[in-house]
Each structure stands twice: as C-alpha cells, then as structure tokens.
C-alpha cells in the first residue's frame, strides 16, 4: 500500500478556512491530472477522493485537480456544506493511494511525519530541518539510538571528548547505536539506516511519526505506537 502524510491547515485571520492539500509527484501517475474531476466524500475522521463525476445522494462534493506553480495540486476545502467529523486544523492524515482513488485517515498526534524510504534496497530515513537544531541535535553532537518494537528513541549526549568512551560503553551494554548529525549547506540532517529501522519494525513505505523536545526525539510507527516517551 502506498502511503503519504498530509496535514490539515487553517488560516489564523478571518475569513477562517480549513483545508488539506496534496502536492505530490504521484498524482499524475494515479490519474489525477490537471483539471480532472474528483468526487470528495466525507467520513468520520477520514475522506475519500475518487476520479469520477458526482454521484447522487453521496453527501460529497466535486473538486478539480489544479496547479500551484508548475506542480499539480489537489486541494479540499472544508466548509459548512462539507464537514468531516473529528478533523481539525493541525491534524495529520495518512493518505493511501492507488489509481483513481485516494483514502485519507486521521493519524495519532505528532509534530512531524515522514515516509520510510530506501537506500541500497534497504530501509532508510533522513531527518532534516531546523527542528533538529531546536532539539539540540546539532552537527557533530553525539546521539545514542535505542530501537524497540514500534519506536526508536534518540538521546543527545554531551560531545565532550572525555565522555566519548562512556558513550561507547553505554551503547555496547544496551545495544544502542551511536549517530552524528551532519550539515548539508545550511540544513542539519540525521540519517537512520536499516539497522535501527528494522529493529524497530519499520519497513520501506511505512509512515513514521516524530515527537521531540530538547535532547530527545521519539520516532514511532503509528500502527505500532507506544505512548510513553
């Protein structure tokens, strides 16, 4: 099953509007080409988007595939005549897609969501962005990764050389991995490979949620999540 993370957004000033937009390279491959008619049908905490003309008494509404710059975009606006119970601005959704059909369902709360990719035919995930800096995961800092079923916990360690030996001992004793973020131009990145991902049960194509605070990051599989940090 193909999955893609979406987020519902809302305006902060009147007129207040809530919407969800899909801007992805796979839209055209799935038949969602420019100006194609799409029938949106609301359900509890979810909705479906189908390539079709309106169906009588379906409770949905007709939208069309548009463009944002040079990219295809499929935008669903919420309104009084199109309400989806249980969804509000800020919610994340998992969009599963196949030819002519997109189904989106509400995901557990998180600060971010990623899709597990591949590198050398194995599971691979690259975290990137200013949020890593905000959490203290700066380039050349030392991090220990603790994979467990359904999640991976990342801890920031003091990068003092005198303490590096202690980090190595801790990692060996608890079967943790030692990681270090890197800088790509002005962006901080942190790579996780198949060793950590497979031990946590992640596979290519899975969604990965992120909770973070200073010094700690928790990655979790929303279908296998554990609520404790």
C-alpha atoms as a PDB file:
ATOM      1  CA  UNK A   1       0.000   0.000   0.000  1.00  0.00           C
ATOM      2  CA  UNK A   2       1.304   3.435  -0.950  1.00  0.00           C
ATOM      3  CA  UNK A   3       1.172   5.987   1.892  1.00  0.00           C
ATOM      4  CA  UNK A   4       1.686   9.749   2.021  1.00  0.00           C
ATOM      5  CA  UNK A   5       1.413  12.086   5.033  1.00  0.00           C
ATOM      6  CA  UNK A   6      -0.947  15.068   4.853  1.00  0.00           C
ATOM      7  CA  UNK A   7      -1.679  17.878   7.300  1.00  0.00           C
ATOM      8  CA  UNK A   8      -4.831  19.917   7.702  1.00  0.00           C
ATOM      9  CA  UNK A   9      -4.090  23.643   7.750  1.00  0.00           C
ATOM     10  CA  UNK A  10      -6.166  26.623   8.832  1.00  0.00           C
ATOM     11  CA  UNK A  11      -5.953  30.392   8.470  1.00  0.00           C
ATOM     12  CA  UNK A  12      -5.260  32.479  11.576  1.00  0.00           C
ATOM     13  CA  UNK A  13      -7.228  35.512  10.408  1.00  0.00           C
ATOM     14  CA  UNK A  14     -10.762  35.878   9.012  1.00  0.00           C
ATOM     15  CA  UNK A  15     -12.201  34.623   6.828  1.00  0.00           C
ATOM     16  CA  UNK A  16     -11.246  31.445   8.668  1.00  0.00           C
ATOM     17  CA  UNK A  17     -10.684  28.498   6.353  1.00  0.00           C
ATOM     18  CA  UNK A  18      -9.558  24.922   6.834  1.00  0.00           C
ATOM     19  CA  UNK A  19      -8.152  22.792   4.036  1.00  0.00           C
ATOM     20  CA  UNK A  20      -5.896  19.914   3.129  1.00  0.00           C
ATOM     21  CA  UNK A  21      -3.720  19.965   0.009  1.00  0.00           C
ATOM     22  CA  UNK A  22      -1.940  17.171  -1.828  1.00  0.00           C
ATOM     23  CA  UNK A  23       1.123  18.215  -3.808  1.00  0.00           C
ATOM     24  CA  UNK A  24       2.924  15.050  -4.820  1.00  0.00           C
ATOM     25  CA  UNK A  25       4.688  13.694  -7.880  1.00  0.00           C
ATOM     26  CA  UNK A  26       2.498  10.588  -7.877  1.00  0.00           C
ATOM     27  CA  UNK A  27      -0.763  12.471  -8.559  1.00  0.00           C
ATOM     28  CA  UNK A  28      -0.469  12.242 -12.358  1.00  0.00           C
ATOM     29  CA  UNK A  29       0.632   8.595 -12.210  1.00  0.00           C
ATOM     30  CA  UNK A  30      -2.563   7.820 -10.273  1.00  0.00           C
ATOM     31  CA  UNK A  31      -4.697   9.561 -12.917  1.00  0.00           C
ATOM     32  CA  UNK A  32      -5.139  12.850 -11.063  1.00  0.00           C
ATOM     33  CA  UNK A  33      -4.105  15.055 -13.984  1.00  0.00           C
ATOM     34  CA  UNK A  34      -4.778  18.768 -14.356  1.00  0.00           C
ATOM     35  CA  UNK A  35      -8.485  19.706 -14.275  1.00  0.00           C
ATOM     36  CA  UNK A  36      -9.595  16.099 -13.684  1.00  0.00           C
ATOM     37  CA  UNK A  37     -12.924  15.917 -11.784  1.00  0.00           C
ATOM     38  CA  UNK A  38     -12.615  14.414  -8.317  1.00  0.00           C
ATOM     39  CA  UNK A  39     -15.516  13.452  -6.073  1.00  0.00           C
ATOM     40  CA  UNK A  40     -14.782  14.004  -2.360  1.00  0.00           C
ATOM     41  CA  UNK A  41     -16.801  12.004   0.169  1.00  0.00           C
ATOM     42  CA  UNK A  42     -16.516  12.771   3.925  1.00  0.00           C
ATOM     43  CA  UNK A  43     -16.469  10.080   6.596  1.00  0.00           C
ATOM     44  CA  UNK A  44     -15.682  10.106  10.310  1.00  0.00           C
ATOM     45  CA  UNK A  45     -12.057  11.218  10.736  1.00  0.00           C
ATOM     46  CA  UNK A  46     -11.403  10.396   7.078  1.00  0.00           C
ATOM     47  CA  UNK A  47     -12.401  11.054   3.478  1.00  0.00           C
ATOM     48  CA  UNK A  48     -12.058   9.558   0.023  1.00  0.00           C
ATOM     49  CA  UNK A  49     -11.180  11.243  -3.268  1.00  0.00           C
ATOM     50  CA  UNK A  50     -12.319   9.416  -6.405  1.00  0.00           C
ATOM     51  CA  UNK A  51     -11.808  10.194 -10.075  1.00  0.00           C
ATOM     52  CA  UNK A  52     -15.442  10.432 -11.101  1.00  0.00           C
ATOM     53  CA  UNK A  53     -18.397  12.654 -11.815  1.00  0.00           C
ATOM     54  CA  UNK A  54     -20.836  13.432  -8.984  1.00  0.00           C
ATOM     55  CA  UNK A  55     -22.880  10.569  -7.583  1.00  0.00           C
ATOM     56  CA  UNK A  56     -26.419  11.260  -6.411  1.00  0.00           C
ATOM     57  CA  UNK A  57     -27.050  11.415  -2.661  1.00  0.00           C
ATOM     58  CA  UNK A  58     -23.421  10.621  -1.839  1.00  0.00           C
ATOM     59  CA  UNK A  59     -23.034  13.587   0.510  1.00  0.00           C
ATOM     60  CA  UNK A  60     -19.844  14.657  -1.203  1.00  0.00           C
ATOM     61  CA  UNK A  61     -18.707  17.498  -3.401  1.00  0.00           C
ATOM     62  CA  UNK A  62     -16.943  17.932  -6.715  1.00  0.00           C
ATOM     63  CA  UNK A  63     -13.446  19.426  -6.883  1.00  0.00           C
ATOM     64  CA  UNK A  64     -10.834  19.555  -9.649  1.00  0.00           C
ATOM     65  CA  UNK A  65      -7.109  18.974  -9.800  1.00  0.00           C
ATOM     66  CA  UNK A  66      -5.330  22.321 -10.057  1.00  0.00           C
ATOM     67  CA  UNK A  67      -1.789  23.679 -10.138  1.00  0.00           C
ATOM     68  CA  UNK A  68       0.438  25.529  -7.712  1.00  0.00           C
ATOM     69  CA  UNK A  69       3.237  26.888  -9.842  1.00  0.00           C
ATOM     70  CA  UNK A  70       4.376  24.007 -12.027  1.00  0.00           C
ATOM     71  CA  UNK A  71       3.168  21.299  -9.642  1.00  0.00           C
ATOM     72  CA  UNK A  72      -0.183  19.543  -9.628  1.00  0.00           C
ATOM     73  CA  UNK A  73      -2.239  20.216  -6.513  1.00  0.00           C
ATOM     74  CA  UNK A  74      -5.428  18.667  -5.210  1.00  0.00           C
ATOM     75  CA  UNK A  75      -6.994  20.866  -2.529  1.00  0.00           C
ATOM     76  CA  UNK A  76     -10.022  20.014  -0.413  1.00  0.00           C
ATOM     77  CA  UNK A  77     -11.593  22.955   1.428  1.00  0.00           C
ATOM     78  CA  UNK A  78     -13.759  22.301   4.472  1.00  0.00           C
ATOM     79  CA  UNK A  79     -16.984  24.311   4.649  1.00  0.00           C
ATOM     80  CA  UNK A  80     -20.420  24.332   6.274  1.00  0.00           C
ATOM     81  CA  UNK A  81     -21.682  22.072   3.492  1.00  0.00           C
ATOM     82  CA  UNK A  82     -18.624  19.816   3.705  1.00  0.00           C
ATOM     83  CA  UNK A  83     -17.727  18.869   7.263  1.00  0.00           C
ATOM     84  CA  UNK A  84     -15.576  15.904   8.286  1.00  0.00           C
ATOM     85  CA  UNK A  85     -16.334  14.890  11.886  1.00  0.00           C
ATOM     86  CA  UNK A  86     -13.261  14.564  14.077  1.00  0.00           C
ATOM     87  CA  UNK A  87     -10.819  16.505  11.880  1.00  0.00           C
ATOM     88  CA  UNK A  88      -9.448  19.953  12.744  1.00  0.00           C
ATOM     89  CA  UNK A  89      -6.556  22.172  11.668  1.00  0.00           C
ATOM     90  CA  UNK A  90      -3.235  20.670  12.720  1.00  0.00           C
ATOM     91  CA  UNK A  91      -4.298  17.040  12.368  1.00  0.00           C
ATOM     92  CA  UNK A  92      -2.106  14.688  10.357  1.00  0.00           C
ATOM     93  CA  UNK A  93      -3.585  12.201   7.907  1.00  0.00           C
ATOM     94  CA  UNK A  94      -2.301   9.061   6.217  1.00  0.00           C
ATOM     95  CA  UNK A  95      -3.253   9.112   2.545  1.00  0.00           C
ATOM     96  CA  UNK A  96      -3.225   5.710   0.857  1.00  0.00           C
ATOM     97  CA  UNK A  97      -3.405   5.912  -2.917  1.00  0.00           C
ATOM     98  CA  UNK A  98      -3.943   3.779  -5.989  1.00  0.00           C
ATOM     99  CA  UNK A  99      -5.106   4.576  -9.495  1.00  0.00           C
ATOM    100  CA  UNK A 100      -8.180   6.793  -9.322  1.00  0.00           C
ATOM    101  CA  UNK A 101      -8.592   6.605  -5.546  1.00  0.00           C
ATOM    102  CA  UNK A 102      -7.129   8.368  -2.500  1.00  0.00           C
ATOM    103  CA  UNK A 103      -8.258   7.457   1.013  1.00  0.00           C
ATOM    104  CA  UNK A 104      -7.138   9.618   3.953  1.00  0.00           C
ATOM    105  CA  UNK A 105      -7.467   8.678   7.635  1.00  0.00           C
ATOM    106  CA  UNK A 106      -6.560  10.524  10.809  1.00  0.00           C
ATOM    107  CA  UNK A 107      -3.186   9.743  12.402  1.00  0.00           C
ATOM    108  CA  UNK A 108      -2.151   9.898  16.068  1.00  0.00           C
ATOM    109  CA  UNK A 109      -0.856  13.327  17.204  1.00  0.00           C
ATOM    110  CA  UNK A 110       2.756  14.117  16.305  1.00  0.00           C
ATOM    111  CA  UNK A 111       4.932  17.090  15.463  1.00  0.00           C
ATOM    112  CA  UNK A 112       6.007  15.654  12.122  1.00  0.00           C
ATOM    113  CA  UNK A 113       5.516  12.642   9.873  1.00  0.00           C
ATOM    114  CA  UNK A 114       7.930  11.062   7.402  1.00  0.00           C
ATOM    115  CA  UNK A 115       7.751   8.168   4.928  1.00  0.00           C
ATOM    116  CA  UNK A 116      10.404   5.469   5.336  1.00  0.00           C
ATOM    117  CA  UNK A 117      12.406   5.374   2.098  1.00  0.00           C
ATOM    118  CA  UNK A 118      15.096   3.116   0.710  1.00  0.00           C
ATOM    119  CA  UNK A 119      18.817   3.292   0.158  1.00  0.00           C
ATOM    120  CA  UNK A 120      20.706   0.415  -1.452  1.00  0.00           C
ATOM    121  CA  UNK A 121      17.440  -1.567  -1.427  1.00  0.00           C
ATOM    122  CA  UNK A 122      17.150  -1.265   2.379  1.00  0.00           C
ATOM    123  CA  UNK A 123      15.041   0.867   4.709  1.00  0.00           C
ATOM    124  CA  UNK A 124      16.380   4.407   5.133  1.00  0.00           C
ATOM    125  CA  UNK A 125      15.156   7.592   6.802  1.00  0.00           C
ATOM    126  CA  UNK A 126      16.686  11.056   6.653  1.00  0.00           C
ATOM    127  CA  UNK A 127      15.515  13.560   9.247  1.00  0.00           C
ATOM    128  CA  UNK A 128      16.226  17.179   8.346  1.00  0.00           C
ATOM    129  CA  UNK A 129      15.328  20.734   9.222  1.00  0.00           C
ATOM    130  CA  UNK A 130      15.644  23.485  11.795  1.00  0.00           C
ATOM    131  CA  UNK A 131      13.676  21.410  14.299  1.00  0.00           C
ATOM    132  CA  UNK A 132      16.781  19.243  14.805  1.00  0.00           C
ATOM    133  CA  UNK A 133      18.731  22.355  15.813  1.00  0.00           C
ATOM    134  CA  UNK A 134      15.913  23.392  18.157  1.00  0.00           C
ATOM    135  CA  UNK A 135      16.115  19.973  19.833  1.00  0.00           C
ATOM    136  CA  UNK A 136      19.901  20.378  20.282  1.00  0.00           C
ATOM    137  CA  UNK A 137      20.807  17.796  17.624  1.00  0.00           C
ATOM    138  CA  UNK A 138      23.491  19.947  16.042  1.00  0.00           C
ATOM    139  CA  UNK A 139      26.189  18.754  13.637  1.00  0.00           C
ATOM    140  CA  UNK A 140      28.927  16.704  15.312  1.00  0.00           C
ATOM    141  CA  UNK A 141      26.955  16.159  18.534  1.00  0.00           C
ATOM    142  CA  UNK A 142      26.827  12.550  19.689  1.00  0.00           C
ATOM    143  CA  UNK A 143      23.485  10.725  19.766  1.00  0.00           C
ATOM    144  CA  UNK A 144      22.522   7.285  21.005  1.00  0.00           C
ATOM    145  CA  UNK A 145      19.688   5.459  19.241  1.00  0.00           C
ATOM    146  CA  UNK A 146      17.629   2.859  21.077  1.00  0.00           C
ATOM    147  CA  UNK A 147      15.370   0.845  18.720  1.00  0.00           C
ATOM    148  CA  UNK A 148      12.425  -1.035  20.243  1.00  0.00           C
ATOM    149  CA  UNK A 149       9.337  -2.623  18.666  1.00  0.00           C
ATOM    150  CA  UNK A 150       7.347   0.189  17.100  1.00  0.00           C
ATOM    151  CA  UNK A 151       9.662   3.038  18.030  1.00  0.00           C
ATOM    152  CA  UNK A 152      13.191   4.455  18.111  1.00  0.00           C
ATOM    153  CA  UNK A 153      14.344   6.753  20.904  1.00  0.00           C
ATOM    154  CA  UNK A 154      17.191   9.179  20.210  1.00  0.00           C
ATOM    155  CA  UNK A 155      19.104  10.826  23.053  1.00  0.00           C
ATOM    156  CA  UNK A 156      21.543  13.707  22.855  1.00  0.00           C
ATOM    157  CA  UNK A 157      24.860  13.089  24.601  1.00  0.00           C
ATOM    158  CA  UNK A 158      27.419  15.663  25.682  1.00  0.00           C
ATOM    159  CA  UNK A 159      30.030  15.759  22.933  1.00  0.00           C
ATOM    160  CA  UNK A 160      32.995  16.270  25.242  1.00  0.00           C
ATOM    161  CA  UNK A 161      35.839  14.022  24.136  1.00  0.00           C
ATOM    162  CA  UNK A 162      36.417  12.918  27.730  1.00  0.00           C
ATOM    163  CA  UNK A 163      32.957  11.383  27.791  1.00  0.00           C
ATOM    164  CA  UNK A 164      33.036   9.625  24.419  1.00  0.00           C
ATOM    165  CA  UNK A 165      34.396   6.440  25.985  1.00  0.00           C
ATOM    166  CA  UNK A 166      31.392   6.396  28.309  1.00  0.00           C
ATOM    167  CA  UNK A 167      29.045   6.702  25.332  1.00  0.00           C
ATOM    168  CA  UNK A 168      30.682   3.734  23.617  1.00  0.00           C
ATOM    169  CA  UNK A 169      30.380   1.627  26.781  1.00  0.00           C
ATOM    170  CA  UNK A 170      26.725   2.578  27.182  1.00  0.00           C
ATOM    171  CA  UNK A 171      25.976   1.816  23.539  1.00  0.00           C
ATOM    172  CA  UNK A 172      27.581  -1.624  23.720  1.00  0.00           C
ATOM    173  CA  UNK A 173      25.913  -2.526  27.003  1.00  0.00           C
ATOM    174  CA  UNK A 174      22.428  -1.524  25.877  1.00  0.00           C
ATOM    175  CA  UNK A 175      22.794  -2.420  22.174  1.00  0.00           C
ATOM    176  CA  UNK A 176      22.362   1.196  21.118  1.00  0.00           C
ATOM    177  CA  UNK A 177      23.783   2.806  18.020  1.00  0.00           C
ATOM    178  CA  UNK A 178      25.901   5.960  18.006  1.00  0.00           C
ATOM    179  CA  UNK A 179      24.839   8.570  15.448  1.00  0.00           C
ATOM    180  CA  UNK A 180      26.006  12.058  14.488  1.00  0.00           C
ATOM    181  CA  UNK A 181      24.049  14.726  12.590  1.00  0.00           C
ATOM    182  CA  UNK A 182      25.633  16.402   9.575  1.00  0.00           C
ATOM    183  CA  UNK A 183      25.219  19.735   7.865  1.00  0.00           C
ATOM    184  CA  UNK A 184      24.152  19.900   4.219  1.00  0.00           C
ATOM    185  CA  UNK A 185      24.709  23.535   3.300  1.00  0.00           C
ATOM    186  CA  UNK A 186      22.582  25.276   5.964  1.00  0.00           C
ATOM    187  CA  UNK A 187      20.343  22.295   6.808  1.00  0.00           C
ATOM    188  CA  UNK A 188      21.008  19.807   9.608  1.00  0.00           C
ATOM    189  CA  UNK A 189      20.356  16.173   8.656  1.00  0.00           C
ATOM    190  CA  UNK A 190      20.374  12.922  10.591  1.00  0.00           C
ATOM    191  CA  UNK A 191      20.368   9.581   8.788  1.00  0.00           C
ATOM    192  CA  UNK A 192      18.966   6.325  10.127  1.00  0.00           C
ATOM    193  CA  UNK A 193      19.715   3.133   8.233  1.00  0.00           C
ATOM    194  CA  UNK A 194      18.213  -0.329   8.102  1.00  0.00           C
ATOM    195  CA  UNK A 195      19.971  -1.498  11.269  1.00  0.00           C
ATOM    196  CA  UNK A 196      17.960   0.854  13.501  1.00  0.00           C
ATOM    197  CA  UNK A 197      14.785   0.846  11.400  1.00  0.00           C
ATOM    198  CA  UNK A 198      14.499  -2.915  11.025  1.00  0.00           C
ATOM    199  CA  UNK A 199      14.979  -3.497  14.757  1.00  0.00           C
ATOM    200  CA  UNK A 200      12.029  -1.159  15.376  1.00  0.00           C
ATOM    201  CA  UNK A 201       9.895  -2.936  12.770  1.00  0.00           C
ATOM    202  CA  UNK A 202       9.906  -0.161  10.168  1.00  0.00           C
ATOM    203  CA  UNK A 203       9.778  -1.139   6.506  1.00  0.00           C
ATOM    204  CA  UNK A 204      10.070   0.960   3.331  1.00  0.00           C
ATOM    205  CA  UNK A 205       6.820   2.787   2.694  1.00  0.00           C
ATOM    206  CA  UNK A 206       5.776   2.919   6.377  1.00  0.00           C
ATOM    207  CA  UNK A 207       4.835   6.224   7.971  1.00  0.00           C
ATOM    208  CA  UNK A 208       6.978   7.438  10.856  1.00  0.00           C
ATOM    209  CA  UNK A 209       5.732   9.943  13.436  1.00  0.00           C
ATOM    210  CA  UNK A 210       8.028  12.287  15.360  1.00  0.00           C
ATOM    211  CA  UNK A 211       7.795  13.673  18.896  1.00  0.00           C
ATOM    212  CA  UNK A 212      10.703  15.830  20.050  1.00  0.00           C
ATOM    213  CA  UNK A 213      11.876  18.056  22.864  1.00  0.00           C
ATOM    214  CA  UNK A 214      15.304  19.329  23.750  1.00  0.00           C
ATOM    215  CA  UNK A 215      17.730  16.429  23.931  1.00  0.00           C
ATOM    216  CA  UNK A 216      15.233  13.725  22.945  1.00  0.00           C
ATOM    217  CA  UNK A 217      13.447  12.510  19.831  1.00  0.00           C
ATOM    218  CA  UNK A 218      10.967   9.655  19.612  1.00  0.00           C
ATOM    219  CA  UNK A 219      10.172   8.102  16.238  1.00  0.00           C
ATOM    220  CA  UNK A 220       7.127   5.851  16.197  1.00  0.00           C
ATOM    221  CA  UNK A 221       5.134   3.693  13.845  1.00  0.00           C
ATOM    222  CA  UNK A 222       1.516   4.961  14.163  1.00  0.00           C
ATOM    223  CA  UNK A 223       0.209   1.421  13.706  1.00  0.00           C
ATOM    224  CA  UNK A 224       2.532   0.038  16.412  1.00  0.00           C
ATOM    225  CA  UNK A 225       2.862   3.092  18.644  1.00  0.00           C
ATOM    226  CA  UNK A 226       3.768   3.078  22.291  1.00  0.00           C
ATOM    227  CA  UNK A 227       2.607   6.179  24.145  1.00  0.00           C
ATOM    228  CA  UNK A 228       5.410   6.510  26.740  1.00  0.00           C
ATOM    229  CA  UNK A 229       8.380   8.632  25.688  1.00  0.00           C
END
